[in-house]
Protein backbone atom coordinates (compact mmCIF):
# COMPACT_ATOMS: atom_id res chain seq x y z
CA MET A 1 53.27 140.83 48.11
CA LYS A 2 50.52 143.33 48.04
CA LYS A 3 51.59 146.90 48.32
CA SER A 4 50.27 148.90 51.30
CA VAL A 5 48.38 152.21 50.62
CA TRP A 6 51.50 153.97 51.79
CA THR A 7 53.64 152.43 49.13
CA ILE A 8 51.20 153.13 46.39
CA ALA A 9 50.86 156.79 47.56
CA CYS A 10 54.77 156.94 47.70
CA MET A 11 54.95 155.84 44.13
CA VAL A 12 52.29 158.27 42.76
CA VAL A 13 52.97 161.28 44.79
CA PHE A 14 56.64 161.48 45.93
CA CYS A 15 58.85 159.28 43.91
CA ALA A 16 59.58 156.90 41.18
CA CYS A 17 60.07 153.49 42.89
CA SER A 18 63.05 151.77 41.92
CA GLY A 19 62.34 148.23 43.07
CA LYS A 20 64.09 146.82 39.93
CA GLY A 21 67.11 149.05 39.90
CA GLY A 22 65.81 152.02 37.83
CA LYS A 23 68.06 155.05 37.76
CA GLU A 24 67.25 158.87 38.45
CA GLN A 25 69.27 161.68 37.10
CA LYS A 26 69.64 165.32 38.45
CA GLU A 27 69.11 168.29 36.15
CA ASP A 28 72.93 168.56 35.82
CA GLY A 29 73.10 165.02 34.37
CA THR A 30 74.92 163.52 37.48
CA SER A 31 73.57 160.45 39.18
CA ALA A 32 71.25 161.05 42.04
CA ALA A 33 72.40 160.02 45.49
CA VAL A 34 70.06 157.02 45.66
CA ASP A 35 72.21 155.49 42.75
CA THR A 36 74.86 154.56 45.29
CA MET A 37 72.38 152.16 47.14
CA ALA A 38 71.50 148.99 45.77
CA SER A 39 67.84 148.44 45.13
CA ILE A 40 65.78 146.57 47.75
CA GLU A 41 62.83 144.29 46.77
CA VAL A 42 60.81 142.99 49.63
CA LYS A 43 59.34 139.59 48.72
CA TYR A 44 58.35 137.79 51.94
CA ALA A 45 58.59 140.35 54.72
CA THR A 46 55.36 142.09 55.82
CA GLY A 47 56.67 144.40 58.54
CA PHE A 48 58.68 146.92 56.24
CA SER A 49 58.44 148.34 52.77
CA VAL A 50 60.83 150.43 50.72
CA CYS A 51 60.52 153.07 47.98
CA ASP A 52 63.33 155.04 46.40
CA SER A 53 63.37 158.56 45.08
CA ALA A 54 66.22 160.51 43.39
CA ASP A 55 67.76 161.50 46.75
CA VAL A 56 65.95 159.72 49.46
CA ARG A 57 65.01 156.02 50.53
CA LEU A 58 61.69 155.88 52.19
CA VAL A 59 61.27 152.98 54.57
CA ASN A 60 58.03 152.20 56.24
CA VAL A 61 58.17 150.00 59.41
CA GLY A 62 54.86 148.62 60.78
CA ARG A 63 51.84 150.82 60.86
CA ASN A 64 53.32 154.12 62.17
CA ASP A 65 57.13 154.39 61.78
CA ARG A 66 58.57 156.21 58.68
CA PHE A 67 62.24 156.81 57.95
CA ALA A 68 63.98 158.73 55.32
CA LEU A 69 67.49 157.27 54.68
CA VAL A 70 69.69 159.80 53.07
CA HIS A 71 73.44 160.37 52.24
CA SER A 72 73.26 164.22 52.62
CA ASP A 73 72.14 166.29 55.59
CA SER A 74 70.77 168.65 53.10
CA ALA A 75 68.40 166.18 51.51
CA VAL A 76 64.84 167.00 51.63
CA VAL A 77 62.48 164.53 53.09
CA PRO A 78 58.66 164.35 53.09
CA GLU A 79 56.70 165.55 56.26
CA GLY A 80 56.25 162.71 58.85
CA TYR A 81 59.41 161.09 58.11
CA THR A 82 62.48 160.69 60.45
CA LYS A 83 65.67 161.59 58.55
CA VAL A 84 68.47 159.13 59.04
CA ARG A 85 71.84 159.76 57.55
CA VAL A 86 73.39 156.55 56.25
CA PRO A 87 75.41 154.59 56.42
CA ILE A 88 75.15 154.57 60.13
CA GLN A 89 78.47 153.85 61.99
CA ARG A 90 77.18 152.88 65.43
CA THR A 91 74.11 151.19 66.83
CA LEU A 92 72.67 148.94 69.58
CA CYS A 93 71.11 145.57 69.16
CA MET A 94 68.19 144.63 71.53
CA THR A 95 67.72 140.94 70.53
CA ALA A 96 69.57 137.93 69.15
CA LEU A 97 67.60 138.09 65.97
CA GLN A 98 68.84 141.60 65.21
CA LEU A 99 72.39 140.44 65.97
CA SER A 100 72.09 137.85 63.48
CA ASN A 101 71.67 140.25 60.64
CA PHE A 102 74.83 142.03 61.68
CA THR A 103 76.77 138.73 61.97
CA VAL A 104 75.82 137.36 58.54
CA LEU A 105 76.70 140.76 57.06
CA ASP A 106 80.14 140.80 58.81
CA ALA A 107 79.25 144.16 60.37
CA HIS A 108 80.09 143.57 64.13
CA ASP A 109 81.95 146.82 63.91
CA VAL A 110 78.74 148.71 63.81
CA VAL A 111 77.44 147.05 66.94
CA LYS A 112 78.31 149.08 69.99
CA GLY A 113 75.92 147.71 72.60
CA LEU A 114 73.80 144.71 73.45
CA THR A 115 71.23 143.89 76.11
CA GLY A 116 73.20 140.91 77.35
CA THR A 117 75.40 137.86 76.28
CA LYS A 118 73.21 135.01 77.70
CA ASN A 119 73.29 131.95 75.38
CA LEU A 120 75.67 133.91 73.12
CA PHE A 121 78.49 131.84 71.34
CA ASN A 122 79.87 134.20 68.91
CA GLU A 123 83.67 134.52 69.98
CA ASP A 124 84.02 137.93 68.08
CA ILE A 125 81.04 139.36 69.94
CA LEU A 126 82.17 137.99 73.17
CA SER A 127 85.81 139.41 72.87
CA ARG A 128 84.34 142.87 71.97
CA VAL A 129 82.12 142.91 75.10
CA LYS A 130 85.18 141.62 77.16
CA GLU A 131 87.38 144.46 75.70
CA GLY A 132 84.78 147.00 76.23
CA ARG A 133 84.13 147.70 72.48
CA ILE A 134 80.58 146.60 72.99
CA VAL A 135 78.77 147.63 76.13
CA LYS A 136 75.88 145.94 78.14
CA ILE A 137 72.96 148.27 78.24
CA GLY A 138 70.74 146.24 80.48
CA MET A 139 67.74 144.20 79.77
CA GLU A 140 64.42 145.14 78.27
CA GLY A 141 62.31 147.04 80.76
CA ASN A 142 65.38 147.93 82.77
CA PHE A 143 67.83 149.87 80.37
CA ASP A 144 70.78 151.81 81.67
CA PRO A 145 70.59 155.31 79.91
CA GLU A 146 74.21 156.04 80.95
CA MET A 147 75.55 152.90 79.14
CA VAL A 148 73.21 153.68 76.13
CA LEU A 149 74.76 157.17 75.96
CA ALA A 150 78.34 155.75 76.36
CA ALA A 151 77.78 153.72 73.31
CA ASN A 152 76.85 156.85 71.34
CA PRO A 153 74.73 155.07 68.80
CA ASP A 154 73.61 156.81 65.57
CA VAL A 155 70.30 154.81 65.93
CA ILE A 156 68.99 152.13 68.10
CA PHE A 157 67.24 149.02 66.69
CA ILE A 158 64.39 148.18 69.16
CA SER A 159 62.06 145.28 69.38
CA PRO A 160 58.78 146.58 70.68
CA SER A 161 57.14 144.10 73.15
CA LYS A 162 54.79 144.04 76.25
CA ARG A 163 57.93 144.64 78.36
CA GLY A 164 59.11 147.75 76.48
CA GLY A 165 60.85 150.12 78.79
CA TYR A 166 61.88 152.48 75.97
CA ASP A 167 60.65 155.58 77.62
CA ALA A 168 64.16 156.27 79.35
CA ILE A 169 65.91 155.64 75.97
CA LYS A 170 63.60 158.04 74.13
CA GLU A 171 64.66 160.75 76.41
CA THR A 172 68.16 160.61 75.16
CA GLY A 173 66.89 161.75 71.67
CA ILE A 174 68.39 158.87 69.88
CA THR A 175 66.45 157.75 66.95
CA LEU A 176 64.69 154.38 67.77
CA VAL A 177 64.19 152.11 64.69
CA PRO A 178 61.81 149.16 65.26
CA HIS A 179 63.12 145.83 64.05
CA LEU A 180 59.91 143.68 63.69
CA GLY A 181 61.53 140.46 62.29
CA TYR A 182 60.19 138.54 65.23
CA GLN A 183 56.64 139.20 64.03
CA GLU A 184 57.08 137.55 60.66
CA LEU A 185 55.03 134.42 60.06
CA HIS A 186 57.12 133.09 57.22
CA PRO A 187 60.75 131.83 57.78
CA LEU A 188 61.92 133.66 54.69
CA GLY A 189 60.09 136.73 55.77
CA GLN A 190 62.10 136.76 59.05
CA ALA A 191 65.31 136.15 57.32
CA GLU A 192 64.52 139.07 54.78
CA TRP A 193 65.10 141.57 57.60
CA VAL A 194 68.76 141.30 56.78
CA LYS A 195 67.83 143.73 53.87
CA PHE A 196 66.38 146.12 56.45
CA VAL A 197 69.63 146.31 58.41
CA GLY A 198 71.74 146.22 55.13
CA MET A 199 69.96 149.58 54.14
CA PHE A 200 70.97 151.23 57.42
CA ILE A 201 74.65 150.08 57.35
CA GLY A 202 75.28 150.52 53.64
CA LYS A 203 75.41 146.82 52.84
CA GLU A 204 72.33 146.59 50.60
CA ARG A 205 74.22 144.52 47.92
CA GLU A 206 75.64 142.06 50.54
CA ALA A 207 72.22 141.70 52.12
CA ASN A 208 70.58 141.02 48.74
CA GLU A 209 73.31 138.41 48.03
CA VAL A 210 73.00 136.68 51.40
CA PHE A 211 69.14 136.69 51.18
CA ALA A 212 69.20 135.36 47.64
CA GLY A 213 71.25 132.30 48.69
CA ILE A 214 69.05 131.50 51.68
CA GLU A 215 65.97 131.89 49.43
CA LYS A 216 67.30 129.55 46.73
CA ARG A 217 68.50 126.81 49.26
CA TYR A 218 65.17 126.92 51.11
CA ASN A 219 62.92 126.85 48.04
CA ASP A 220 64.99 124.19 46.25
CA LEU A 221 64.75 121.80 49.12
CA LYS A 222 61.02 122.70 49.52
CA ALA A 223 60.36 121.83 45.92
CA LYS A 224 61.92 118.32 46.50
CA VAL A 225 59.66 117.80 49.49
CA ASP A 226 56.57 118.99 47.52
CA SER A 227 57.43 116.49 44.81
CA LEU A 228 57.90 113.73 47.17
CA THR A 229 54.77 114.34 49.24
CA ALA A 230 52.69 114.81 46.17
CA HIS A 231 53.64 111.42 44.69
CA PRO A 232 51.27 108.49 45.16
CA SER A 233 52.10 105.80 47.59
CA PRO A 234 53.25 102.33 45.99
CA LEU A 235 50.40 100.67 47.61
CA THR A 236 47.55 103.25 46.88
CA SER A 237 46.55 105.84 44.34
CA SER A 238 46.80 108.60 46.99
CA PRO A 239 49.75 110.74 48.02
CA SER A 240 51.90 109.33 50.80
CA PRO A 241 50.68 110.23 54.29
CA LEU A 242 52.55 113.04 55.91
CA PRO A 243 54.26 112.42 59.31
CA THR A 244 52.50 114.42 62.00
CA VAL A 245 54.41 116.70 64.55
CA PHE A 246 53.81 118.83 67.68
CA SER A 247 55.86 121.19 69.61
CA GLY A 248 56.63 122.55 73.10
CA GLU A 249 56.65 121.43 76.66
CA MET A 250 54.72 122.15 79.97
CA HIS A 251 56.12 125.19 81.76
CA TYR A 252 54.51 126.63 84.98
CA GLY A 253 51.20 124.71 84.46
CA ASN A 254 50.75 125.51 80.85
CA TRP A 255 51.79 124.33 77.33
CA HIS A 256 52.71 127.07 75.04
CA ALA A 257 51.56 125.91 71.66
CA VAL A 258 52.89 127.16 68.37
CA GLY A 259 49.82 128.41 66.31
CA GLY A 260 49.16 127.32 62.76
CA ARG A 261 50.25 130.69 61.64
CA ASN A 262 53.57 130.73 63.34
CA TYR A 263 56.80 130.55 61.23
CA LEU A 264 57.75 127.18 62.86
CA ALA A 265 54.43 125.82 61.58
CA GLN A 266 55.26 126.91 58.16
CA ILE A 267 58.74 125.21 58.27
CA PHE A 268 57.04 122.00 59.36
CA ARG A 269 54.87 122.18 56.33
CA ASP A 270 57.61 123.05 54.04
CA ALA A 271 59.55 120.03 55.47
CA GLY A 272 56.78 117.64 54.64
CA ALA A 273 54.94 117.24 57.97
CA LYS A 274 51.56 117.94 59.26
CA TYR A 275 51.47 120.09 62.39
CA VAL A 276 48.83 118.83 64.86
CA ILE A 277 47.14 122.26 65.19
CA ASP A 278 47.65 123.39 61.62
CA ASP A 279 44.03 124.78 61.37
CA ASP A 280 44.72 127.09 64.27
CA GLU A 281 44.81 130.80 62.89
CA THR A 282 46.98 132.17 65.84
CA ALA A 283 50.69 132.65 66.23
CA GLY A 284 50.49 130.67 69.47
CA GLU A 285 48.49 130.06 72.78
CA ASP A 286 48.79 128.39 76.15
CA LEU A 287 47.04 125.13 76.55
CA GLU A 288 46.30 122.70 79.46
CA PHE A 289 48.23 119.48 79.19
CA GLU A 290 44.89 117.61 78.73
CA LYS A 291 44.07 119.78 75.65
CA MET A 292 47.56 119.27 74.10
CA TYR A 293 47.38 115.34 74.79
CA ALA A 294 44.13 115.32 72.98
CA LEU A 295 45.53 117.00 70.13
CA ALA A 296 49.00 115.21 69.97
CA ALA A 297 48.74 111.74 71.76
CA LYS A 298 49.22 109.93 68.36
CA ALA A 299 51.58 112.46 66.55
CA ASP A 300 54.68 110.85 65.05
CA TYR A 301 57.20 113.47 66.32
CA TRP A 302 57.74 115.96 69.14
CA ARG A 303 59.80 118.97 68.62
CA ILE A 304 61.51 120.52 71.85
CA LEU A 305 63.69 123.59 72.13
CA ASN A 306 65.00 124.39 75.73
CA SER A 307 68.13 125.44 77.71
CA PHE A 308 68.43 122.19 79.83
CA PRO A 309 71.68 122.24 81.84
CA GLY A 310 73.71 119.18 80.93
CA GLU A 311 72.48 116.49 78.51
CA PHE A 312 68.81 116.34 77.97
CA SER A 313 67.14 112.90 77.76
CA TYR A 314 63.88 111.04 77.77
CA GLU A 315 64.34 110.57 81.58
CA ALA A 316 64.67 114.35 81.99
CA LEU A 317 61.67 114.84 79.83
CA LYS A 318 59.58 112.49 81.92
CA ALA A 319 60.95 113.85 85.31
CA SER A 320 59.74 117.39 84.12
CA GLU A 321 56.30 115.96 83.62
CA PRO A 322 55.43 112.25 84.29
CA ARG A 323 52.53 112.35 81.83
CA ASN A 324 54.92 113.13 78.93
CA GLU A 325 55.61 109.38 78.61
CA LEU A 326 52.08 108.94 77.42
CA PHE A 327 52.76 110.53 73.97
CA GLN A 328 53.45 108.21 71.22
CA ALA A 329 56.39 110.15 70.07
CA PHE A 330 58.01 109.69 73.48
CA LYS A 331 57.34 105.97 73.43
CA GLU A 332 58.72 105.57 69.93
CA LYS A 333 61.79 107.77 70.84
CA LYS A 334 60.93 110.32 68.13
CA VAL A 335 61.59 113.55 70.01
CA ILE A 336 63.34 116.26 67.96
CA TYR A 337 65.58 118.36 70.16
CA CYS A 338 67.79 121.44 70.18
CA ASN A 339 69.45 122.72 73.29
CA MET A 340 70.09 126.50 73.25
CA LYS A 341 73.02 126.04 75.81
CA GLN A 342 74.76 123.98 73.35
CA GLN A 343 73.67 125.60 69.95
CA ALA A 344 73.64 129.32 68.89
CA TYR A 345 70.05 128.95 67.98
CA TYR A 346 68.58 132.34 68.46
CA GLU A 347 71.90 134.04 67.68
CA ILE A 348 72.08 132.87 64.13
CA SER A 349 69.02 130.72 63.09
CA PRO A 350 66.82 133.68 62.14
CA VAL A 351 69.05 133.97 58.97
CA GLN A 352 69.46 130.31 58.55
CA PRO A 353 65.71 129.03 57.71
CA ASP A 354 67.16 126.95 55.01
CA VAL A 355 69.36 125.13 57.64
CA LEU A 356 66.44 124.73 59.98
CA LEU A 357 64.30 123.33 57.04
CA LYS A 358 67.11 120.85 56.17
CA ASP A 359 67.40 119.61 59.74
CA PHE A 360 63.66 118.83 59.78
CA VAL A 361 63.61 117.18 56.30
CA ALA A 362 66.51 115.16 57.37
CA ILE A 363 64.23 113.68 60.14
CA PHE A 364 60.89 113.51 58.30
CA HIS A 365 62.23 112.45 54.76
CA PRO A 366 65.96 111.44 55.19
CA GLU A 367 66.05 110.28 51.58
CA LEU A 368 65.95 113.92 50.35
CA VAL A 369 69.21 114.93 52.03
CA GLU A 370 72.65 113.68 51.28
CA PRO A 371 74.00 110.50 53.05
CA GLY A 372 75.76 111.45 56.28
CA TYR A 373 74.04 114.87 56.68
CA GLU A 374 74.99 116.36 60.10
CA PRO A 375 72.12 118.42 61.51
CA ARG A 376 73.11 121.88 62.60
CA TYR A 377 70.30 122.46 65.28
CA TYR A 378 67.76 119.71 65.55
CA ARG A 379 68.23 116.03 65.78
CA LEU A 380 66.54 113.00 67.21
CA LEU A 381 66.96 112.68 71.04
CA LYS A 382 68.94 109.72 71.91
């Protein structure tokens, strides 16, 4: 990953970067405070960067937010950085993606507030909410400052968006830390934000281990797919043709189409399929039905993620939009489906891109997964 100007300046002016675990020593020969933190190497994520000095860990988030993570209140931090004493003991989560990081790190004790529990399956979190150990702070754009203060968080992980509504929280004086995992365009980049959370809660080593496992499983399966799709067809001297896939549904008169730079489009590619709007350079856009049909009429597969009440079916898909039956994937019963009312999709899938990949590979290239593989999220609609 290319280093930002900030990171280069950090290396040269302020600190000796320890991305590979280098040690610093104080003048008295004792180990520096940063030695208690496992080093963090950012490989796929583009939304944050890390640089370690003898006493301070500098974390740059997005374009404008800078944090200095310290173990001592007396630590001196560079100008322009917000000091955060770590490990934090209490925080709030604004999104399911953020919560997935705490879940996989076995750190629910740190979570003291959530925006809500809609489509939430985790029994531990639900019991904590029921018992009052985790409070509901209201939805984005309509937060309850009193509940925020009642949770008494050290920092609040926020997810900046068009709805926002963070002005009321800013007035509390609590440090707001942007979590930009949702902006990542690579599945492993999104999952790597577990390292970001790990730095704040003192679980860097656990985060590194969790991510290393995700990365290995993802890349090992991707390598198998690459080998298969690059192999010539028995009938030709050319590589075997890739199955084609499209995504989404009509909602309120528009079809929100995942763009070619979206993380889902990357998973399709890594699973050995061709996304129908792969040449699109955006993360997503809204299309009219006619435009989507022109792109996907002959596509082999159709991916759908929704929260349908009850059992979703081809009949329900047709009832929602009669023209849906015109797609080849509909006619040939090749709709790939996940129901968020039945699966903890957003709650945990951000840290399971390897599982998502395997679900799709099991459909596109079933010979590459073990016999009897049971999909976790996506399967062919019956």
